[in-house]
Amino acid sequence: MKPVDRHLFALGRVIAVAAALAFWVAVALAVEAHYWMFATDPSAPIGERQIEHEGE
């Protein structure tokens, strides 16, 4: 394996890990936004918020 190939392989691995982490960060932000939108008290810590959806 040429040195350039090794560097490209390592760079590809770094990009793959970054993409996987970006996905989970996006999921976490979406969950937090959901709690913020539907919470009865948006200023409360996430663990203490009560969610009330219409129709439930």
PDB file of N, CA and C in Angstrom:
ATOM      1  N   MET A   1       0.847  -1.176   0.000  1.00  0.00           N
ATOM      2  CA  MET A   1       0.000   0.000   0.000  1.00  0.00           C
ATOM      3  C   MET A   1       0.893   1.240   0.000  1.00  0.00           C
ATOM      4  N   LYS A   2       0.622   2.151  -0.889  1.00  0.00           N
ATOM      5  CA  LYS A   2       1.408   3.379  -0.982  1.00  0.00           C
ATOM      6  C   LYS A   2       1.059   4.309   0.176  1.00  0.00           C
ATOM      7  N   PRO A   3       1.998   5.187   0.554  1.00  0.00           N
ATOM      8  CA  PRO A   3       1.716   6.128   1.646  1.00  0.00           C
ATOM      9  C   PRO A   3       0.480   6.989   1.379  1.00  0.00           C
ATOM     10  N   VAL A   4       0.287   7.384   0.128  1.00  0.00           N
ATOM     11  CA  VAL A   4      -0.875   8.211  -0.205  1.00  0.00           C
ATOM     12  C   VAL A   4      -2.160   7.422   0.026  1.00  0.00           C
ATOM     13  N   ASP A   5      -2.161   6.148  -0.340  1.00  0.00           N
ATOM     14  CA  ASP A   5      -3.341   5.310  -0.137  1.00  0.00           C
ATOM     15  C   ASP A   5      -3.681   5.177   1.346  1.00  0.00           C
ATOM     16  N   ARG A   6      -2.646   5.030   2.182  1.00  0.00           N
ATOM     17  CA  ARG A   6      -2.881   4.913   3.625  1.00  0.00           C
ATOM     18  C   ARG A   6      -3.509   6.184   4.172  1.00  0.00           C
ATOM     19  N   HIS A   7      -3.026   7.335   3.700  1.00  0.00           N
ATOM     20  CA  HIS A   7      -3.578   8.606   4.181  1.00  0.00           C
ATOM     21  C   HIS A   7      -5.027   8.782   3.731  1.00  0.00           C
ATOM     22  N   LEU A   8      -5.322   8.393   2.506  1.00  0.00           N
ATOM     23  CA  LEU A   8      -6.697   8.500   2.021  1.00  0.00           C
ATOM     24  C   LEU A   8      -7.614   7.544   2.769  1.00  0.00           C
ATOM     25  N   PHE A   9      -7.112   6.348   3.080  1.00  0.00           N
ATOM     26  CA  PHE A   9      -7.902   5.385   3.843  1.00  0.00           C
ATOM     27  C   PHE A   9      -8.203   5.941   5.230  1.00  0.00           C
ATOM     28  N   ALA A  10      -7.187   6.519   5.874  1.00  0.00           N
ATOM     29  CA  ALA A  10      -7.376   7.099   7.206  1.00  0.00           C
ATOM     30  C   ALA A  10      -8.340   8.280   7.144  1.00  0.00           C
ATOM     31  N   LEU A  11      -8.219   9.097   6.121  1.00  0.00           N
ATOM     32  CA  LEU A  11      -9.119  10.236   5.963  1.00  0.00           C
ATOM     33  C   LEU A  11     -10.557   9.755   5.754  1.00  0.00           C
ATOM     34  N   GLY A  12     -10.728   8.707   4.973  1.00  0.00           N
ATOM     35  CA  GLY A  12     -12.058   8.143   4.766  1.00  0.00           C
ATOM     36  C   GLY A  12     -12.666   7.636   6.054  1.00  0.00           C
ATOM     37  N   ARG A  13     -11.836   7.027   6.901  1.00  0.00           N
ATOM     38  CA  ARG A  13     -12.319   6.543   8.193  1.00  0.00           C
ATOM     39  C   ARG A  13     -12.753   7.708   9.078  1.00  0.00           C
ATOM     40  N   VAL A  14     -11.969   8.776   9.081  1.00  0.00           N
ATOM     41  CA  VAL A  14     -12.309   9.959   9.880  1.00  0.00           C
ATOM     42  C   VAL A  14     -13.626  10.560   9.391  1.00  0.00           C
ATOM     43  N   ILE A  15     -13.798  10.637   8.085  1.00  0.00           N
ATOM     44  CA  ILE A  15     -15.033  11.190   7.525  1.00  0.00           C
ATOM     45  C   ILE A  15     -16.227  10.310   7.889  1.00  0.00           C
ATOM     46  N   ALA A  16     -16.056   8.998   7.846  1.00  0.00           N
ATOM     47  CA  ALA A  16     -17.146   8.083   8.198  1.00  0.00           C
ATOM     48  C   ALA A  16     -17.547   8.239   9.664  1.00  0.00           C
ATOM     49  N   VAL A  17     -16.570   8.365  10.541  1.00  0.00           N
ATOM     50  CA  VAL A  17     -16.864   8.550  11.965  1.00  0.00           C
ATOM     51  C   VAL A  17     -17.561   9.887  12.183  1.00  0.00           C
ATOM     52  N   ALA A  18     -17.085  10.933  11.527  1.00  0.00           N
ATOM     53  CA  ALA A  18     -17.713  12.253  11.662  1.00  0.00           C
ATOM     54  C   ALA A  18     -19.161  12.222  11.172  1.00  0.00           C
ATOM     55  N   ALA A  19     -19.414  11.523  10.084  1.00  0.00           N
ATOM     56  CA  ALA A  19     -20.781  11.423   9.564  1.00  0.00           C
ATOM     57  C   ALA A  19     -21.680  10.674  10.540  1.00  0.00           C
ATOM     58  N   ALA A  20     -21.166   9.608  11.138  1.00  0.00           N
ATOM     59  CA  ALA A  20     -21.957   8.849  12.111  1.00  0.00           C
ATOM     60  C   ALA A  20     -22.267   9.705  13.336  1.00  0.00           C
ATOM     61  N   LEU A  21     -21.300  10.454  13.809  1.00  0.00           N
ATOM     62  CA  LEU A  21     -21.534  11.328  14.960  1.00  0.00           C
ATOM     63  C   LEU A  21     -22.507  12.442  14.609  1.00  0.00           C
ATOM     64  N   ALA A  22     -22.401  12.988  13.406  1.00  0.00           N
ATOM     65  CA  ALA A  22     -23.306  14.058  12.982  1.00  0.00           C
ATOM     66  C   ALA A  22     -24.748  13.565  12.981  1.00  0.00           C
ATOM     67  N   PHE A  23     -24.961  12.321  12.586  1.00  0.00           N
ATOM     68  CA  PHE A  23     -26.316  11.752  12.602  1.00  0.00           C
ATOM     69  C   PHE A  23     -26.868  11.753  14.021  1.00  0.00           C
ATOM     70  N   TRP A  24     -26.088  11.271  14.984  1.00  0.00           N
ATOM     71  CA  TRP A  24     -26.583  11.188  16.357  1.00  0.00           C
ATOM     72  C   TRP A  24     -26.757  12.564  16.979  1.00  0.00           C
ATOM     73  N   VAL A  25     -25.928  13.517  16.597  1.00  0.00           N
ATOM     74  CA  VAL A  25     -26.114  14.892  17.074  1.00  0.00           C
ATOM     75  C   VAL A  25     -27.431  15.445  16.534  1.00  0.00           C
ATOM     76  N   ALA A  26     -27.726  15.170  15.269  1.00  0.00           N
ATOM     77  CA  ALA A  26     -28.988  15.626  14.677  1.00  0.00           C
ATOM     78  C   ALA A  26     -30.182  14.991  15.383  1.00  0.00           C
ATOM     79  N   VAL A  27     -30.079  13.716  15.725  1.00  0.00           N
ATOM     80  CA  VAL A  27     -31.163  13.041  16.448  1.00  0.00           C
ATOM     81  C   VAL A  27     -31.357  13.685  17.820  1.00  0.00           C
ATOM     82  N   ALA A  28     -30.273  13.939  18.525  1.00  0.00           N
ATOM     83  CA  ALA A  28     -30.369  14.553  19.853  1.00  0.00           C
ATOM     84  C   ALA A  28     -30.998  15.939  19.776  1.00  0.00           C
ATOM     85  N   LEU A  29     -30.628  16.719  18.770  1.00  0.00           N
ATOM     86  CA  LEU A  29     -31.213  18.052  18.610  1.00  0.00           C
ATOM     87  C   LEU A  29     -32.701  17.969  18.283  1.00  0.00           C
ATOM     88  N   ALA A  30     -33.089  16.990  17.479  1.00  0.00           N
ATOM     89  CA  ALA A  30     -34.505  16.825  17.144  1.00  0.00           C
ATOM     90  C   ALA A  30     -35.314  16.432  18.377  1.00  0.00           C
ATOM     91  N   VAL A  31     -34.764  15.555  19.201  1.00  0.00           N
ATOM     92  CA  VAL A  31     -35.457  15.151  20.432  1.00  0.00           C
ATOM     93  C   VAL A  31     -35.609  16.349  21.358  1.00  0.00           C
ATOM     94  N   GLU A  32     -34.553  17.127  21.499  1.00  0.00           N
ATOM     95  CA  GLU A  32     -34.626  18.302  22.367  1.00  0.00           C
ATOM     96  C   GLU A  32     -35.635  19.311  21.833  1.00  0.00           C
ATOM     97  N   ALA A  33     -35.667  19.509  20.522  1.00  0.00           N
ATOM     98  CA  ALA A  33     -36.638  20.432  19.927  1.00  0.00           C
ATOM     99  C   ALA A  33     -38.064  19.943  20.168  1.00  0.00           C
ATOM    100  N   HIS A  34     -38.275  18.634  20.081  1.00  0.00           N
ATOM    101  CA  HIS A  34     -39.604  18.067  20.336  1.00  0.00           C
ATOM    102  C   HIS A  34     -40.031  18.352  21.767  1.00  0.00           C
ATOM    103  N   TYR A  35     -39.140  18.123  22.713  1.00  0.00           N
ATOM    104  CA  TYR A  35     -39.463  18.399  24.108  1.00  0.00           C
ATOM    105  C   TYR A  35     -39.743  19.875  24.322  1.00  0.00           C
ATOM    106  N   TRP A  36     -38.954  20.730  23.676  1.00  0.00           N
ATOM    107  CA  TRP A  36     -39.123  22.170  23.853  1.00  0.00           C
ATOM    108  C   TRP A  36     -40.461  22.624  23.282  1.00  0.00           C
ATOM    109  N   MET A  37     -40.862  22.091  22.115  1.00  0.00           N
ATOM    110  CA  MET A  37     -42.100  22.532  21.464  1.00  0.00           C
ATOM    111  C   MET A  37     -43.342  22.105  22.239  1.00  0.00           C
ATOM    112  N   PHE A  38     -43.340  20.905  22.807  1.00  0.00           N
ATOM    113  CA  PHE A  38     -44.546  20.362  23.409  1.00  0.00           C
ATOM    114  C   PHE A  38     -44.551  20.393  24.935  1.00  0.00           C
ATOM    115  N   ALA A  39     -43.518  20.914  25.553  1.00  0.00           N
ATOM    116  CA  ALA A  39     -43.441  20.915  27.009  1.00  0.00           C
ATOM    117  C   ALA A  39     -44.375  21.969  27.599  1.00  0.00           C
ATOM    118  N   THR A  40     -44.946  21.652  28.758  1.00  0.00           N
ATOM    119  CA  THR A  40     -45.801  22.622  29.441  1.00  0.00           C
ATOM    120  C   THR A  40     -44.962  23.710  30.097  1.00  0.00           C
ATOM    121  N   ASP A  41     -43.724  23.390  30.465  1.00  0.00           N
ATOM    122  CA  ASP A  41     -42.810  24.370  31.061  1.00  0.00           C
ATOM    123  C   ASP A  41     -41.456  24.257  30.363  1.00  0.00           C
ATOM    124  N   PRO A  42     -41.252  25.012  29.262  1.00  0.00           N
ATOM    125  CA  PRO A  42     -40.008  24.883  28.497  1.00  0.00           C
ATOM    126  C   PRO A  42     -38.746  25.259  29.270  1.00  0.00           C
ATOM    127  N   SER A  43     -38.882  25.987  30.373  1.00  0.00           N
ATOM    128  CA  SER A  43     -37.692  26.382  31.123  1.00  0.00           C
ATOM    129  C   SER A  43     -37.219  25.286  32.080  1.00  0.00           C
ATOM    130  N   ALA A  44     -38.030  24.254  32.290  1.00  0.00           N
ATOM    131  CA  ALA A  44     -37.656  23.161  33.193  1.00  0.00           C
ATOM    132  C   ALA A  44     -36.585  22.285  32.542  1.00  0.00           C
ATOM    133  N   PRO A  45     -35.763  21.620  33.353  1.00  0.00           N
ATOM    134  CA  PRO A  45     -34.785  20.680  32.787  1.00  0.00           C
ATOM    135  C   PRO A  45     -35.501  19.587  31.990  1.00  0.00           C
ATOM    136  N   ILE A  46     -34.845  19.064  30.970  1.00  0.00           N
ATOM    137  CA  ILE A  46     -35.482  18.103  30.069  1.00  0.00           C
ATOM    138  C   ILE A  46     -36.066  16.915  30.827  1.00  0.00           C
ATOM    139  N   GLY A  47     -35.357  16.407  31.815  1.00  0.00           N
ATOM    140  CA  GLY A  47     -35.830  15.234  32.539  1.00  0.00           C
ATOM    141  C   GLY A  47     -37.099  15.470  33.344  1.00  0.00           C
ATOM    142  N   GLU A  48     -37.418  16.738  33.642  1.00  0.00           N
ATOM    143  CA  GLU A  48     -38.584  17.050  34.469  1.00  0.00           C
ATOM    144  C   GLU A  48     -39.764  17.578  33.659  1.00  0.00           C
ATOM    145  N   ARG A  49     -39.621  17.696  32.357  1.00  0.00           N
ATOM    146  CA  ARG A  49     -40.699  18.253  31.538  1.00  0.00           C
ATOM    147  C   ARG A  49     -41.807  17.237  31.323  1.00  0.00           C
ATOM    148  N   GLN A  50     -43.010  17.729  31.296  1.00  0.00           N
ATOM    149  CA  GLN A  50     -44.178  16.907  31.005  1.00  0.00           C
ATOM    150  C   GLN A  50     -44.634  17.233  29.590  1.00  0.00           C
ATOM    151  N   ILE A  51     -44.831  16.220  28.774  1.00  0.00           N
ATOM    152  CA  ILE A  51     -45.232  16.411  27.385  1.00  0.00           C
ATOM    153  C   ILE A  51     -46.734  16.183  27.276  1.00  0.00           C
ATOM    154  N   GLU A  52     -47.415  17.117  26.631  1.00  0.00           N
ATOM    155  CA  GLU A  52     -48.847  16.974  26.410  1.00  0.00           C
ATOM    156  C   GLU A  52     -49.126  17.156  24.923  1.00  0.00           C
ATOM    157  N   HIS A  53     -49.460  16.071  24.238  1.00  0.00           N
ATOM    158  CA  HIS A  53     -49.834  16.131  22.831  1.00  0.00           C
ATOM    159  C   HIS A  53     -51.346  16.254  22.747  1.00  0.00           C
ATOM    160  N   GLU A  54     -51.820  16.938  21.725  1.00  0.00           N
ATOM    161  CA  GLU A  54     -53.265  17.022  21.536  1.00  0.00           C
ATOM    162  C   GLU A  54     -53.816  15.649  21.191  1.00  0.00           C
ATOM    163  N   GLY A  55     -54.977  15.351  21.710  1.00  0.00           N
ATOM    164  CA  GLY A  55     -55.617  14.088  21.400  1.00  0.00           C
ATOM    165  C   GLY A  55     -55.223  12.947  22.313  1.00  0.00           C
ATOM    166  N   GLU A  56     -54.389  13.212  23.297  1.00  0.00           N
ATOM    167  CA  GLU A  56     -53.994  12.142  24.224  1.00  0.00           C
ATOM    168  C   GLU A  56     -54.753  12.269  25.522  1.00  0.00           C
TER     169      GLU A  56
END
